[in-house]
Amino acid sequence: MASNFFGQIFRITTFGESHGKAIGVVIDGCPAGLSLSQEEITAELFFRTPGKSPYTSPRKEPDKAEILSGIFQGKTTGAPIAILIWNQDADSSKYEPVKDLLRPGHANYTYIQKYGIFDYRGGGRASARETVARVAAGAVAKKLLAHFGIEICSFASEIGGIAIKEPDFGTIAELREKTQESPLFCPCTETTEKMIAEIEKAKREGDSLGGILQTVVSNIQQGLGDPVYSKLEANLASAMLSLPATKGFEIGSGFAAARMKGSQHNDPFDLDEKGQITTTTNFAGGTLGGISTGLPLIFRVAFKPTSSIQKPQKTVNLEGEKKSFELPVGSRHDPCVAIRAVPIIEAMTALVLADALLLNRCAKL
């Protein structure tokens, strides 16, 4: 398994499995002198933690970060930063009865075909549990971005076909406050209530829902992104589609651009109140030619419905015999995986931008 790292200068390498002893990450390339504490990282992990509401998995992991290296007297030293998060509530017994069945929508079939072995306990390395390491690394990246005034806010814009109206991007702080007040990370109270009703209906039916998460980045400087193979949106797409259960990525007008005319989609250039060059619209989503324009970066990520559902599903076992798959009694799964992915999307966004920021220092004299 040769692709457990991400980034070029600000690079992370993650390790660990869902039901292993721990999940961890090593961060290379973080500049020295950045103030950082375990408490700040743990605070970011809290927003990803399961078991806080009936709309996420009841698995209860305290997810406290333990910094092993790279920090001295509260600041980064420039050395690799190693962070460990211990698994404390894994229950592998629920997976024993179904270990020889191919689980519809899961990775055990392809892992077995590729590697000849698969850790069936909670999905092993293929489980979304591994994303806790990404959030820990993202917390460090966010601190670096905050030094440059860059802010990120991700939120649930659609769950089960119920979508919010376009939120006000005027202030990221207000958008973030409204988002974090919602148990679904949706900044609209009315829409949150409708989404909750749809989730509860799916749970009663033994089913699950998909969703779309939207991200807004403000105060981003111009010039981030490196054509031709590391364009900003290309790296963002790579980051987002590396997450479990993701099925789509679009930036700006996205796929709707295919139904527009050039005269509608082009963002006209103009001057702002300070006489600075800007555009009057932002259908491009904050990039041109793969490079940030300085306008808000806006993109969306689609998540499939949770594969683990209570309904019986047709499958076969490892011997090729037809079987029926049912989740063991007491299994713990999210009715909609998109909900807990909000802080993960923010983390991956921060990692992409931190790397782009450092790479941009190599662009010209």
Protein backbone atom coordinates (compact mmCIF):
# COMPACT_ATOMS: atom_id res chain seq x y z
CA MET A 1 0.00 0.00 0.00
CA ALA A 2 2.23 2.75 -1.33
CA SER A 3 0.07 5.90 -1.19
CA ASN A 4 -0.36 6.93 2.41
CA PHE A 5 1.20 10.38 1.99
CA PHE A 6 -0.18 13.66 0.69
CA GLY A 7 1.45 16.97 -0.26
CA GLN A 8 4.80 18.09 -1.65
CA ILE A 9 6.38 20.54 0.82
CA PHE A 10 3.76 20.43 3.58
CA ARG A 11 3.50 16.64 3.46
CA ILE A 12 1.62 14.22 5.69
CA THR A 13 1.99 10.47 6.07
CA THR A 14 -0.82 8.72 7.95
CA PHE A 15 -1.05 5.24 9.47
CA GLY A 16 -3.38 3.01 11.46
CA GLU A 17 -6.58 0.99 11.05
CA SER A 18 -10.13 1.29 12.35
CA HIS A 19 -9.71 -1.36 15.06
CA GLY A 20 -5.94 -1.15 15.48
CA LYS A 21 -4.27 0.29 18.57
CA ALA A 22 -4.02 3.82 17.25
CA ILE A 23 -4.25 6.20 14.29
CA GLY A 24 -1.40 8.59 13.59
CA VAL A 25 0.20 11.10 11.28
CA VAL A 26 3.68 12.47 10.63
CA ILE A 27 3.84 16.00 9.20
CA ASP A 28 6.90 17.10 7.24
CA GLY A 29 7.62 20.61 6.01
CA CYS A 30 5.82 22.69 8.62
CA PRO A 31 7.79 25.92 9.11
CA ALA A 32 9.43 26.50 12.50
CA GLY A 33 8.05 29.08 14.89
CA LEU A 34 4.33 28.29 14.57
CA SER A 35 2.51 28.30 17.93
CA LEU A 36 0.80 24.95 18.44
CA SER A 37 -0.65 22.89 21.29
CA GLN A 38 -2.25 19.48 21.78
CA GLU A 39 -5.40 21.22 22.98
CA GLU A 40 -5.80 23.05 19.66
CA ILE A 41 -5.54 19.81 17.72
CA THR A 42 -7.92 17.99 20.07
CA ALA A 43 -10.44 20.84 19.65
CA GLU A 44 -10.47 20.20 15.89
CA LEU A 45 -10.85 16.46 16.48
CA PHE A 46 -13.92 17.11 18.64
CA PHE A 47 -15.95 18.26 15.63
CA ARG A 48 -15.26 14.95 13.87
CA THR A 49 -15.87 12.76 16.94
CA PRO A 50 -18.77 10.26 16.61
CA GLY A 51 -21.42 9.63 19.23
CA LYS A 52 -22.37 13.27 19.88
CA SER A 53 -25.83 13.07 18.26
CA PRO A 54 -28.32 10.41 17.09
CA TYR A 55 -27.45 11.32 13.49
CA THR A 56 -23.90 9.91 13.62
CA SER A 57 -22.31 6.61 14.62
CA PRO A 58 -22.73 5.81 18.37
CA ARG A 59 -19.08 4.70 18.54
CA LYS A 60 -17.56 6.83 21.31
CA GLU A 61 -13.95 7.82 20.75
CA PRO A 62 -12.58 10.68 22.88
CA ASP A 63 -9.97 11.37 20.18
CA LYS A 64 -7.37 13.26 22.14
CA ALA A 65 -4.23 14.19 20.22
CA GLU A 66 -0.85 13.22 21.61
CA ILE A 67 2.06 15.14 20.06
CA LEU A 68 5.19 13.00 20.06
CA SER A 69 7.69 15.27 18.30
CA GLY A 70 8.30 18.53 16.46
CA ILE A 71 7.07 20.90 19.19
CA PHE A 72 9.25 22.67 21.77
CA GLN A 73 8.10 25.35 24.19
CA GLY A 74 4.77 25.56 22.41
CA LYS A 75 6.17 26.17 18.93
CA THR A 76 7.03 24.05 15.92
CA THR A 77 10.76 23.39 15.50
CA GLY A 78 10.77 22.57 11.79
CA ALA A 79 11.29 18.87 12.61
CA PRO A 80 8.66 16.25 11.68
CA ILE A 81 5.53 16.57 13.82
CA ALA A 82 4.22 13.17 14.94
CA ILE A 83 0.68 12.99 16.32
CA LEU A 84 -1.00 9.90 17.79
CA ILE A 85 -4.69 9.26 18.53
CA TRP A 86 -5.48 6.07 20.44
CA ASN A 87 -8.47 3.90 19.49
CA GLN A 88 -10.47 3.23 22.66
CA ASP A 89 -13.94 2.03 21.63
CA ALA A 90 -13.38 -0.53 18.89
CA ASP A 91 -15.61 -3.63 19.02
CA SER A 92 -14.34 -6.22 16.54
CA SER A 93 -16.75 -8.93 17.70
CA LYS A 94 -19.54 -7.57 15.50
CA TYR A 95 -17.47 -8.31 12.38
CA GLU A 96 -16.60 -11.94 13.12
CA PRO A 97 -19.94 -13.40 11.88
CA VAL A 98 -19.66 -11.60 8.50
CA LYS A 99 -15.91 -11.69 7.91
CA ASP A 100 -16.25 -14.11 4.95
CA LEU A 101 -19.04 -12.17 3.23
CA LEU A 102 -18.39 -9.50 0.63
CA ARG A 103 -20.08 -6.38 1.99
CA PRO A 104 -21.99 -4.43 -0.70
CA GLY A 105 -20.56 -0.97 -1.19
CA HIS A 106 -17.41 -1.72 0.84
CA ALA A 107 -13.76 -2.20 -0.08
CA ASN A 108 -13.16 -5.76 1.16
CA TYR A 109 -13.59 -7.28 -2.31
CA THR A 110 -11.13 -4.97 -4.08
CA TYR A 111 -8.62 -5.05 -1.19
CA ILE A 112 -8.61 -8.85 -1.25
CA GLN A 113 -8.18 -8.87 -5.03
CA LYS A 114 -5.29 -6.39 -4.84
CA TYR A 115 -3.46 -7.39 -1.65
CA GLY A 116 -4.69 -10.93 -0.96
CA ILE A 117 -5.62 -9.91 2.59
CA PHE A 118 -8.11 -7.56 4.25
CA ASP A 119 -8.52 -6.37 7.82
CA TYR A 120 -12.26 -6.93 8.17
CA ARG A 121 -12.42 -5.37 11.65
CA GLY A 122 -14.32 -2.19 10.95
CA GLY A 123 -12.91 -1.97 7.46
CA GLY A 124 -9.27 -1.66 8.53
CA ARG A 125 -7.40 0.96 6.53
CA ALA A 126 -10.42 1.48 4.25
CA SER A 127 -12.52 2.75 7.16
CA ALA A 128 -13.33 6.43 7.57
CA ARG A 129 -11.70 6.08 10.99
CA GLU A 130 -8.37 6.81 9.27
CA THR A 131 -9.57 10.35 8.58
CA VAL A 132 -9.00 11.32 12.23
CA ALA A 133 -5.30 11.57 11.30
CA ARG A 134 -6.16 13.94 8.45
CA VAL A 135 -8.11 16.18 10.82
CA ALA A 136 -5.17 16.25 13.24
CA ALA A 137 -2.82 17.27 10.43
CA GLY A 138 -5.40 19.73 9.15
CA ALA A 139 -5.42 21.43 12.53
CA VAL A 140 -1.72 22.23 12.07
CA ALA A 141 -2.33 23.42 8.50
CA LYS A 142 -5.17 25.66 9.72
CA LYS A 143 -2.82 27.33 12.21
CA LEU A 144 -0.41 28.05 9.36
CA LEU A 145 -3.20 29.48 7.19
CA ALA A 146 -4.50 31.59 10.08
CA HIS A 147 -1.07 33.25 10.19
CA PHE A 148 -1.86 34.56 6.69
CA GLY A 149 -5.51 35.39 7.50
CA ILE A 150 -6.98 32.55 5.40
CA GLU A 151 -10.30 31.19 6.71
CA ILE A 152 -12.16 27.98 5.78
CA CYS A 153 -15.76 26.97 6.41
CA SER A 154 -17.38 23.76 5.21
CA PHE A 155 -21.04 22.90 5.74
CA ALA A 156 -23.78 20.49 4.69
CA SER A 157 -25.60 22.09 1.77
CA GLU A 158 -27.73 19.06 0.90
CA ILE A 159 -28.75 15.79 2.60
CA GLY A 160 -31.14 13.26 1.13
CA GLY A 161 -32.14 15.64 -1.63
CA ILE A 162 -33.00 18.48 0.76
CA ALA A 163 -30.86 21.51 -0.06
CA ILE A 164 -30.33 24.92 1.52
CA LYS A 165 -30.56 28.20 -0.33
CA GLU A 166 -27.23 29.83 -1.20
CA PRO A 167 -25.82 31.10 2.13
CA ASP A 168 -24.37 34.56 2.65
CA PHE A 169 -20.59 34.38 2.18
CA GLY A 170 -20.17 37.90 3.57
CA THR A 171 -18.59 36.76 6.84
CA ILE A 172 -16.98 33.37 7.32
CA ALA A 173 -17.20 33.81 11.10
CA GLU A 174 -21.00 34.08 11.00
CA LEU A 175 -21.32 31.19 8.55
CA ARG A 176 -19.09 29.03 10.77
CA GLU A 177 -21.06 29.93 13.90
CA LYS A 178 -24.36 28.95 12.30
CA THR A 179 -22.80 25.75 10.92
CA GLN A 180 -21.43 24.60 14.28
CA GLU A 181 -24.75 25.27 16.02
CA SER A 182 -26.40 22.63 13.84
CA PRO A 183 -26.16 18.90 14.69
CA LEU A 184 -25.85 18.31 10.94
CA PHE A 185 -23.37 21.15 10.26
CA CYS A 186 -26.03 22.93 8.19
CA PRO A 187 -26.11 26.75 8.62
CA CYS A 188 -29.88 26.98 8.04
CA THR A 189 -32.13 26.02 10.99
CA GLU A 190 -35.21 25.41 8.86
CA THR A 191 -33.33 23.18 6.44
CA THR A 192 -31.63 21.34 9.31
CA GLU A 193 -35.04 20.35 10.68
CA LYS A 194 -36.14 19.02 7.29
CA MET A 195 -32.87 17.10 6.93
CA ILE A 196 -33.28 15.57 10.40
CA ALA A 197 -36.77 14.36 9.52
CA GLU A 198 -35.41 12.74 6.35
CA ILE A 199 -32.57 11.06 8.27
CA GLU A 200 -34.96 9.71 10.90
CA LYS A 201 -37.20 8.36 8.15
CA ALA A 202 -34.25 6.58 6.51
CA LYS A 203 -33.20 5.11 9.89
CA ARG A 204 -36.71 3.76 10.48
CA GLU A 205 -36.58 2.13 7.06
CA GLY A 206 -33.15 0.63 7.81
CA ASP A 207 -31.59 2.74 5.09
CA SER A 208 -29.13 5.63 4.71
CA LEU A 209 -28.71 8.94 2.90
CA GLY A 210 -26.09 10.74 0.83
CA GLY A 211 -25.22 14.42 0.91
CA ILE A 212 -23.33 17.34 -0.57
CA LEU A 213 -20.87 19.45 1.41
CA GLN A 214 -19.88 22.95 0.35
CA THR A 215 -16.69 24.79 1.26
CA VAL A 216 -15.89 28.49 1.22
CA VAL A 217 -12.35 29.86 1.64
CA SER A 218 -11.95 33.59 2.23
CA ASN A 219 -8.96 35.95 2.35
CA ILE A 220 -7.06 33.61 0.06
CA GLN A 221 -4.18 35.29 -1.70
CA GLN A 222 -3.70 35.34 -5.46
CA GLY A 223 -1.26 32.95 -7.10
CA LEU A 224 -1.85 29.64 -5.31
CA GLY A 225 -1.78 26.58 -7.57
CA ASP A 226 0.87 25.26 -9.95
CA PRO A 227 0.01 24.49 -13.59
CA VAL A 228 -0.17 22.16 -15.21
CA TYR A 229 -0.49 19.06 -13.01
CA SER A 230 -0.88 20.75 -9.63
CA LYS A 231 -3.55 23.30 -10.44
CA LEU A 232 -5.31 24.38 -7.27
CA GLU A 233 -8.64 22.78 -8.18
CA ALA A 234 -6.87 19.61 -9.34
CA ASN A 235 -5.18 19.21 -5.96
CA LEU A 236 -8.42 19.98 -4.16
CA ALA A 237 -10.24 17.37 -6.23
CA SER A 238 -7.51 14.82 -5.49
CA ALA A 239 -7.74 15.59 -1.78
CA MET A 240 -11.51 15.34 -1.63
CA LEU A 241 -11.87 12.22 -3.76
CA SER A 242 -9.27 10.47 -1.60
CA LEU A 243 -11.83 10.53 1.23
CA PRO A 244 -14.02 7.48 1.82
CA ALA A 245 -17.52 7.61 0.27
CA THR A 246 -16.87 10.64 -1.99
CA LYS A 247 -18.41 10.46 -5.46
CA GLY A 248 -18.01 13.90 -6.99
CA PHE A 249 -16.23 17.26 -6.90
CA GLU A 250 -17.15 20.54 -8.53
CA ILE A 251 -15.79 24.07 -8.19
CA GLY A 252 -17.63 27.33 -8.82
CA SER A 253 -20.57 26.72 -11.15
CA GLY A 254 -19.32 23.15 -11.58
CA PHE A 255 -21.41 20.91 -13.81
CA ALA A 256 -23.99 23.68 -14.23
CA ALA A 257 -21.39 25.43 -16.44
CA ALA A 258 -22.11 22.83 -19.13
CA ARG A 259 -25.64 24.23 -19.40
CA MET A 260 -24.57 27.89 -19.57
CA LYS A 261 -23.38 30.11 -22.39
CA GLY A 262 -19.97 31.79 -22.40
CA SER A 263 -21.62 35.18 -22.08
CA GLN A 264 -23.29 33.97 -18.88
CA HIS A 265 -20.38 32.08 -17.36
CA ASN A 266 -17.46 34.46 -17.97
CA ASP A 267 -16.66 36.58 -14.91
CA PRO A 268 -16.25 40.20 -16.12
CA PHE A 269 -13.22 42.08 -14.77
CA ASP A 270 -13.77 45.33 -12.92
CA LEU A 271 -12.24 47.51 -10.21
CA ASP A 272 -13.34 47.36 -6.57
CA GLU A 273 -13.83 50.34 -4.25
CA LYS A 274 -10.08 50.40 -3.59
CA GLY A 275 -9.23 50.41 -7.28
CA GLN A 276 -8.02 46.82 -7.22
CA ILE A 277 -8.76 44.43 -10.10
CA THR A 278 -11.55 41.97 -9.34
CA THR A 279 -14.49 40.29 -11.10
CA THR A 280 -18.16 41.15 -10.73
CA THR A 281 -19.18 37.46 -10.49
CA ASN A 282 -17.44 34.29 -9.36
CA PHE A 283 -18.71 31.45 -11.53
CA ALA A 284 -15.11 30.23 -11.77
CA GLY A 285 -15.12 29.54 -8.02
CA GLY A 286 -11.96 31.44 -7.17
CA THR A 287 -9.47 30.13 -9.74
CA LEU A 288 -8.44 30.87 -13.33
CA GLY A 289 -5.99 28.62 -15.14
CA GLY A 290 -5.64 26.57 -11.96
CA ILE A 291 -4.38 29.59 -9.97
CA SER A 292 -6.26 31.39 -7.20
CA THR A 293 -7.68 34.79 -8.17
CA GLY A 294 -8.05 36.15 -4.65
CA LEU A 295 -11.84 35.81 -4.74
CA PRO A 296 -13.51 33.31 -2.38
CA LEU A 297 -12.74 29.71 -3.22
CA ILE A 298 -16.05 27.82 -3.49
CA PHE A 299 -16.44 24.10 -4.16
CA ARG A 300 -18.72 21.15 -3.39
CA VAL A 301 -18.14 17.46 -2.65
CA ALA A 302 -20.75 14.71 -3.10
CA PHE A 303 -20.97 11.77 -0.69
CA LYS A 304 -22.77 8.51 -1.38
CA PRO A 305 -25.27 7.04 1.10
CA THR A 306 -23.67 5.04 3.91
CA SER A 307 -22.98 1.52 2.62
CA SER A 308 -23.73 -0.11 5.98
CA ILE A 309 -27.53 -0.36 6.22
CA GLN A 310 -29.96 -2.48 8.22
CA LYS A 311 -31.75 -3.87 5.16
CA PRO A 312 -30.72 -7.36 3.91
CA GLN A 313 -28.56 -7.21 0.78
CA LYS A 314 -27.62 -9.81 -1.80
CA THR A 315 -23.96 -10.87 -1.86
CA VAL A 316 -21.58 -13.83 -2.10
CA ASN A 317 -19.01 -15.21 0.30
CA LEU A 318 -15.29 -15.69 -0.34
CA GLU A 319 -16.02 -19.14 -1.79
CA GLY A 320 -18.37 -17.65 -4.38
CA GLU A 321 -21.58 -18.93 -2.79
CA LYS A 322 -24.67 -16.71 -2.95
CA LYS A 323 -25.63 -15.32 0.43
CA SER A 324 -27.70 -12.62 2.12
CA PHE A 325 -25.80 -9.97 4.06
CA GLU A 326 -27.27 -8.44 7.20
CA LEU A 327 -25.52 -6.23 9.72
CA PRO A 328 -24.93 -7.98 13.05
CA VAL A 329 -27.09 -6.79 15.94
CA GLY A 330 -25.43 -3.87 17.72
CA SER A 331 -23.46 -2.64 14.69
CA ARG A 332 -22.64 1.07 14.84
CA HIS A 333 -22.76 3.15 11.68
CA ASP A 334 -23.59 6.65 10.47
CA PRO A 335 -27.02 7.08 8.80
CA CYS A 336 -25.36 9.75 6.63
CA VAL A 337 -21.57 9.80 6.38
CA ALA A 338 -21.57 13.30 4.90
CA ILE A 339 -22.39 14.84 8.30
CA ARG A 340 -19.14 13.93 10.03
CA ALA A 341 -17.16 14.65 6.87
CA VAL A 342 -17.52 18.43 7.33
CA PRO A 343 -14.39 18.84 9.53
CA ILE A 344 -12.56 16.33 7.33
CA ILE A 345 -13.26 18.41 4.22
CA GLU A 346 -11.97 21.48 6.05
CA ALA A 347 -8.83 19.60 7.07
CA MET A 348 -8.05 18.43 3.54
CA THR A 349 -8.70 21.93 2.21
CA ALA A 350 -6.25 23.33 4.75
CA LEU A 351 -3.61 20.75 3.79
CA VAL A 352 -3.92 21.61 0.09
CA LEU A 353 -3.70 25.35 0.75
CA ALA A 354 -0.80 25.08 3.21
CA ASP A 355 1.18 23.13 0.64
CA ALA A 356 0.21 25.58 -2.14
CA LEU A 357 1.22 28.50 0.05
CA LEU A 358 4.70 27.11 0.62
CA LEU A 359 5.10 26.04 -3.01
CA ASN A 360 4.18 29.55 -4.14
CA ARG A 361 7.35 30.87 -2.49
CA CYS A 362 9.25 29.02 -5.20
CA ALA A 363 7.32 30.64 -8.07
CA LYS A 364 9.51 33.67 -8.78
CA LEU A 365 12.38 35.79 -7.46
